[in-house]
C-alpha cells in the first residue's frame, strides 16, 4: 500500500465555502469517513469553530445548489444530499451523499480515474487549504494524475503534493478514539464546548471543574493525559 497527500490551496475570494475558513480562523473540518466509487461518494465531516462560524459553515456547506468539491468551477450538475447528524455550539457532524461523481471534477473523481478502485480518502479544511490524504493499493505513478488535476484548476487555486510514502500512521483519529477513556472524552468535549481551547481562553480549569463537578486537579490531569495521547498519535509517523 502507498499513500500520498494532495493540498489544494485557495486564495481568498475563489470559493464561498473556503472563504469561511479565512473569515473564521478557528473553523476547522475533517472527514472521519470518505469513500467513493466512480458513481457515488459518501463522507462524514466533523467541524469545530465558534457558534457564528459553524452557522455560516452549515448554511453554505448544506446548500444543495452549489458544489463543495469542484475544482474547475463552483458547481456541477450532480445530485447531493446533506444531513446534520449532530450539532452543539462549537461542533457539528455532517453526512454527505453524492451521486454522479463522474460529472464532478473533484479529487476523488480524478484519483479513481487514474488509480482505480480500493482507494481510501481522508480530508481536512482550514484557512487557505483543502488537504486530501489518499491510501491506495499498488504503486501507480502520480505524475499524470497531478498534471491532470493541475490543468483543470480554476484561477486562484494551487495544487501541491506534500509527500509520497509507504502507508503509515493511517487513521490516527481511530487510534486516538480507542485510547481515550470516557472520562478523557468528557473532559475534552467539555473543554472544547466551553471555549477552553480558544484564544484567548473563555474558561479556566477551575471553571471546567465546576461544570464537571470533579476536583480541579482531576480535570487538569485528564486534559493533560488526553492531550498527550492525541499528540503522540498524530506526531508518530511510524504508528
Protein backbone atom coordinates (compact mmCIF):
# COMPACT_ATOMS: atom_id res chain seq x y z
CA UNK A 1 0.00 0.00 0.00
CA UNK A 2 1.09 3.53 -0.74
CA UNK A 3 -0.15 6.92 0.36
CA UNK A 4 0.21 10.48 -0.80
CA UNK A 5 -1.17 13.85 0.17
CA UNK A 6 -2.61 16.47 -2.17
CA UNK A 7 -3.15 20.00 -0.87
CA UNK A 8 -5.35 22.38 -2.82
CA UNK A 9 -4.58 25.95 -1.74
CA UNK A 10 -7.29 28.58 -2.14
CA UNK A 11 -6.74 32.31 -2.46
CA UNK A 12 -9.37 34.43 -0.75
CA UNK A 13 -12.37 35.14 -2.94
CA UNK A 14 -12.10 31.95 -5.03
CA UNK A 15 -14.56 29.71 -3.15
CA UNK A 16 -17.53 30.61 -0.95
CA UNK A 17 -17.01 27.72 1.46
CA UNK A 18 -13.24 28.04 1.75
CA UNK A 19 -13.55 31.78 2.33
CA UNK A 20 -15.32 30.98 5.61
CA UNK A 21 -12.09 29.47 6.94
CA UNK A 22 -10.40 32.82 6.34
CA UNK A 23 -13.29 34.74 7.90
CA UNK A 24 -13.41 32.47 10.97
CA UNK A 25 -9.78 31.41 11.69
CA UNK A 26 -10.77 28.90 14.40
CA UNK A 27 -13.00 26.99 11.96
CA UNK A 28 -11.70 23.50 11.14
CA UNK A 29 -13.19 20.43 9.48
CA UNK A 30 -12.01 16.87 8.90
CA UNK A 31 -13.57 13.74 7.49
CA UNK A 32 -13.68 10.56 9.57
CA UNK A 33 -15.17 8.63 6.65
CA UNK A 34 -14.74 9.46 2.97
CA UNK A 35 -15.23 6.80 0.31
CA UNK A 36 -16.04 6.93 -3.37
CA UNK A 37 -16.79 4.82 -6.40
CA UNK A 38 -16.93 6.10 -9.96
CA UNK A 39 -20.61 6.93 -9.41
CA UNK A 40 -21.15 7.69 -5.71
CA UNK A 41 -19.29 9.42 -2.88
CA UNK A 42 -20.26 9.41 0.79
CA UNK A 43 -18.49 11.08 3.68
CA UNK A 44 -18.86 12.24 7.27
CA UNK A 45 -17.31 15.58 8.23
CA UNK A 46 -16.65 16.86 11.74
CA UNK A 47 -16.50 20.63 12.08
CA UNK A 48 -15.39 22.76 15.04
CA UNK A 49 -15.43 26.51 15.49
CA UNK A 50 -17.26 29.41 17.06
CA UNK A 51 -21.07 29.43 17.01
CA UNK A 52 -21.00 32.14 14.34
CA UNK A 53 -18.51 30.22 12.22
CA UNK A 54 -20.49 26.98 12.46
CA UNK A 55 -23.74 28.69 11.49
CA UNK A 56 -22.09 30.22 8.43
CA UNK A 57 -20.49 26.88 7.54
CA UNK A 58 -23.77 24.98 7.82
CA UNK A 59 -25.59 27.47 5.62
CA UNK A 60 -23.02 27.27 2.81
CA UNK A 61 -22.00 23.61 3.12
CA UNK A 62 -25.54 22.21 3.06
CA UNK A 63 -26.68 24.40 0.16
CA UNK A 64 -27.62 21.78 -2.46
CA UNK A 65 -27.37 24.33 -5.29
CA UNK A 66 -23.58 24.60 -5.00
CA UNK A 67 -20.67 22.14 -5.04
CA UNK A 68 -18.25 21.76 -2.13
CA UNK A 69 -15.77 19.65 -4.13
CA UNK A 70 -15.45 21.11 -7.64
CA UNK A 71 -12.01 22.35 -8.59
CA UNK A 72 -12.68 23.70 -12.07
CA UNK A 73 -15.97 25.54 -11.45
CA UNK A 74 -18.04 26.50 -8.39
CA UNK A 75 -20.74 24.00 -9.31
CA UNK A 76 -21.51 20.80 -11.22
CA UNK A 77 -24.72 19.04 -12.15
CA UNK A 78 -24.82 16.16 -9.66
CA UNK A 79 -27.30 15.01 -7.05
CA UNK A 80 -26.22 15.60 -3.44
CA UNK A 81 -27.82 15.26 -0.03
CA UNK A 82 -26.60 16.66 3.28
CA UNK A 83 -27.73 15.64 6.75
CA UNK A 84 -26.57 17.27 10.00
CA UNK A 85 -26.10 14.31 12.35
CA UNK A 86 -25.38 16.30 15.49
CA UNK A 87 -24.85 19.92 16.49
CA UNK A 88 -23.58 21.85 19.51
CA UNK A 89 -22.43 25.44 19.99
CA UNK A 90 -18.86 24.58 18.99
CA UNK A 91 -19.09 21.45 16.80
CA UNK A 92 -21.22 19.68 14.24
CA UNK A 93 -21.16 16.48 12.18
CA UNK A 94 -22.46 16.37 8.62
CA UNK A 95 -23.15 13.37 6.38
CA UNK A 96 -22.84 13.88 2.60
CA UNK A 97 -24.10 11.61 -0.15
CA UNK A 98 -23.29 12.46 -3.77
CA UNK A 99 -24.34 10.71 -6.94
CA UNK A 100 -22.92 11.07 -10.47
CA UNK A 101 -19.40 11.70 -9.14
CA UNK A 102 -18.01 11.25 -12.66
CA UNK A 103 -19.61 14.59 -13.56
CA UNK A 104 -17.83 16.44 -10.75
CA UNK A 105 -14.20 17.50 -11.19
CA UNK A 106 -13.09 16.66 -7.66
CA UNK A 107 -10.06 14.98 -6.09
CA UNK A 108 -11.86 11.60 -5.60
CA UNK A 109 -13.06 11.58 -9.21
CA UNK A 110 -9.57 12.23 -10.61
CA UNK A 111 -7.89 9.73 -8.28
CA UNK A 112 -10.32 6.93 -9.11
CA UNK A 113 -9.86 7.53 -12.83
CA UNK A 114 -6.08 7.15 -12.57
CA UNK A 115 -5.62 4.71 -9.66
CA UNK A 116 -8.76 2.57 -9.83
CA UNK A 117 -10.85 1.04 -7.01
CA UNK A 118 -9.73 0.30 -3.48
CA UNK A 119 -8.83 3.89 -2.58
CA UNK A 120 -9.45 5.39 0.87
CA UNK A 121 -9.57 9.13 1.48
CA UNK A 122 -9.08 11.42 4.46
CA UNK A 123 -9.60 15.15 4.13
CA UNK A 124 -9.41 18.33 6.17
CA UNK A 125 -10.10 22.01 5.63
CA UNK A 126 -8.60 25.04 7.27
CA UNK A 127 -7.82 28.62 6.26
CA UNK A 128 -6.39 28.58 2.75
CA UNK A 129 -6.11 24.85 2.18
CA UNK A 130 -8.12 21.73 1.47
CA UNK A 131 -5.93 18.72 2.29
CA UNK A 132 -6.50 15.19 0.94
CA UNK A 133 -4.65 12.15 2.27
CA UNK A 134 -5.03 9.15 -0.02
CA UNK A 135 -4.29 5.48 0.61
CA UNK A 136 -4.21 3.20 -2.44
CA UNK A 137 -3.10 -0.29 -3.47
CA UNK A 138 -0.18 -0.86 -5.82
CA UNK A 139 2.47 1.55 -6.99
CA UNK A 140 0.74 3.74 -9.56
CA UNK A 141 2.75 6.72 -10.86
CA UNK A 142 1.25 10.04 -9.84
CA UNK A 143 2.79 12.41 -12.37
CA UNK A 144 -0.06 12.15 -14.88
CA UNK A 145 -2.66 12.43 -12.11
CA UNK A 146 -1.02 15.59 -10.78
CA UNK A 147 -0.84 17.14 -14.24
CA UNK A 148 -4.48 16.29 -14.99
CA UNK A 149 -5.75 17.92 -11.81
CA UNK A 150 -3.49 20.94 -12.10
CA UNK A 151 -4.65 21.59 -15.66
CA UNK A 152 -8.30 21.79 -14.50
CA UNK A 153 -7.86 24.13 -11.54
CA UNK A 154 -9.74 27.41 -11.77
CA UNK A 155 -7.96 30.71 -11.12
CA UNK A 156 -6.86 31.22 -7.52
CA UNK A 157 -6.26 27.52 -6.77
CA UNK A 158 -2.89 25.80 -6.49
CA UNK A 159 -2.11 22.08 -6.16
CA UNK A 160 0.80 20.67 -4.16
CA UNK A 161 1.97 17.13 -3.34
CA UNK A 162 3.08 17.06 0.29
CA UNK A 163 4.50 13.54 0.45
CA UNK A 164 4.54 10.13 -1.17
CA UNK A 165 5.42 7.23 1.13
CA UNK A 166 4.56 3.73 2.19
CA UNK A 167 1.38 3.68 4.27
CA UNK A 168 1.86 4.65 7.91
CA UNK A 169 0.10 6.46 10.76
CA UNK A 170 -3.17 5.96 8.91
CA UNK A 171 -6.43 6.97 10.61
CA UNK A 172 -4.80 8.38 13.72
CA UNK A 173 -8.23 9.58 14.86
CA UNK A 174 -9.45 5.98 15.22
CA UNK A 175 -6.46 5.05 17.37
CA UNK A 176 -6.96 8.16 19.47
CA UNK A 177 -10.62 7.23 20.00
CA UNK A 178 -9.59 3.74 21.14
CA UNK A 179 -7.01 5.08 23.61
CA UNK A 180 -9.16 7.76 25.24
CA UNK A 181 -11.36 6.73 28.15
CA UNK A 182 -14.90 8.02 28.68
CA UNK A 183 -13.55 10.39 31.32
CA UNK A 184 -10.98 11.74 28.85
CA UNK A 185 -13.67 12.31 26.21
CA UNK A 186 -15.94 14.06 28.72
CA UNK A 187 -13.13 16.40 29.80
CA UNK A 188 -12.09 17.20 26.22
CA UNK A 189 -15.61 17.71 24.91
CA UNK A 190 -16.49 19.96 27.84
CA UNK A 191 -13.29 21.95 27.35
CA UNK A 192 -14.00 22.44 23.63
CA UNK A 193 -17.68 23.25 24.17
CA UNK A 194 -16.90 25.94 26.74
CA UNK A 195 -14.05 27.56 24.81
CA UNK A 196 -11.06 26.32 26.79
CA UNK A 197 -9.01 25.83 23.59
CA UNK A 198 -9.96 29.15 22.04
CA UNK A 199 -7.55 32.06 22.01
CA UNK A 200 -7.99 33.82 24.37
CA UNK A 201 -9.45 31.10 26.55
CA UNK A 202 -13.05 31.63 27.61
CA UNK A 203 -12.85 29.40 30.69
CA UNK A 204 -10.25 28.14 33.14
CA UNK A 205 -9.62 24.65 34.51
CA UNK A 206 -11.38 25.84 37.67
CA UNK A 207 -14.47 26.70 35.59
CA UNK A 208 -14.41 23.25 33.95
CA UNK A 209 -14.09 21.69 37.39
CA UNK A 210 -17.35 23.35 38.40
CA UNK A 211 -19.12 22.23 35.22
CA UNK A 212 -17.94 18.62 35.53
CA UNK A 213 -18.33 18.57 39.31
CA UNK A 214 -14.92 16.95 39.84
CA UNK A 215 -11.79 18.32 41.54
CA UNK A 216 -9.66 20.80 39.64
CA UNK A 217 -6.61 18.53 39.83
CA UNK A 218 -8.62 15.69 38.23
CA UNK A 219 -9.75 17.87 35.33
CA UNK A 220 -6.20 19.10 34.77
CA UNK A 221 -4.84 15.54 34.83
CA UNK A 222 -7.49 14.26 32.39
CA UNK A 223 -6.89 17.10 29.95
CA UNK A 224 -3.13 16.72 30.11
CA UNK A 225 -3.15 12.95 29.60
CA UNK A 226 -5.73 13.23 26.81
CA UNK A 227 -3.59 15.85 25.06
CA UNK A 228 -0.54 13.58 25.41
CA UNK A 229 -2.44 10.70 23.76
CA UNK A 230 -3.62 12.89 20.88
CA UNK A 231 -0.18 14.38 20.20
CA UNK A 232 1.65 11.04 20.48
CA UNK A 233 -0.61 9.51 17.82
CA UNK A 234 -0.66 12.46 15.45
CA UNK A 235 3.05 13.06 15.79
CA UNK A 236 4.33 9.49 15.31
CA UNK A 237 4.88 8.74 11.61
CA UNK A 238 5.62 5.07 12.33
CA UNK A 239 2.48 4.37 14.40
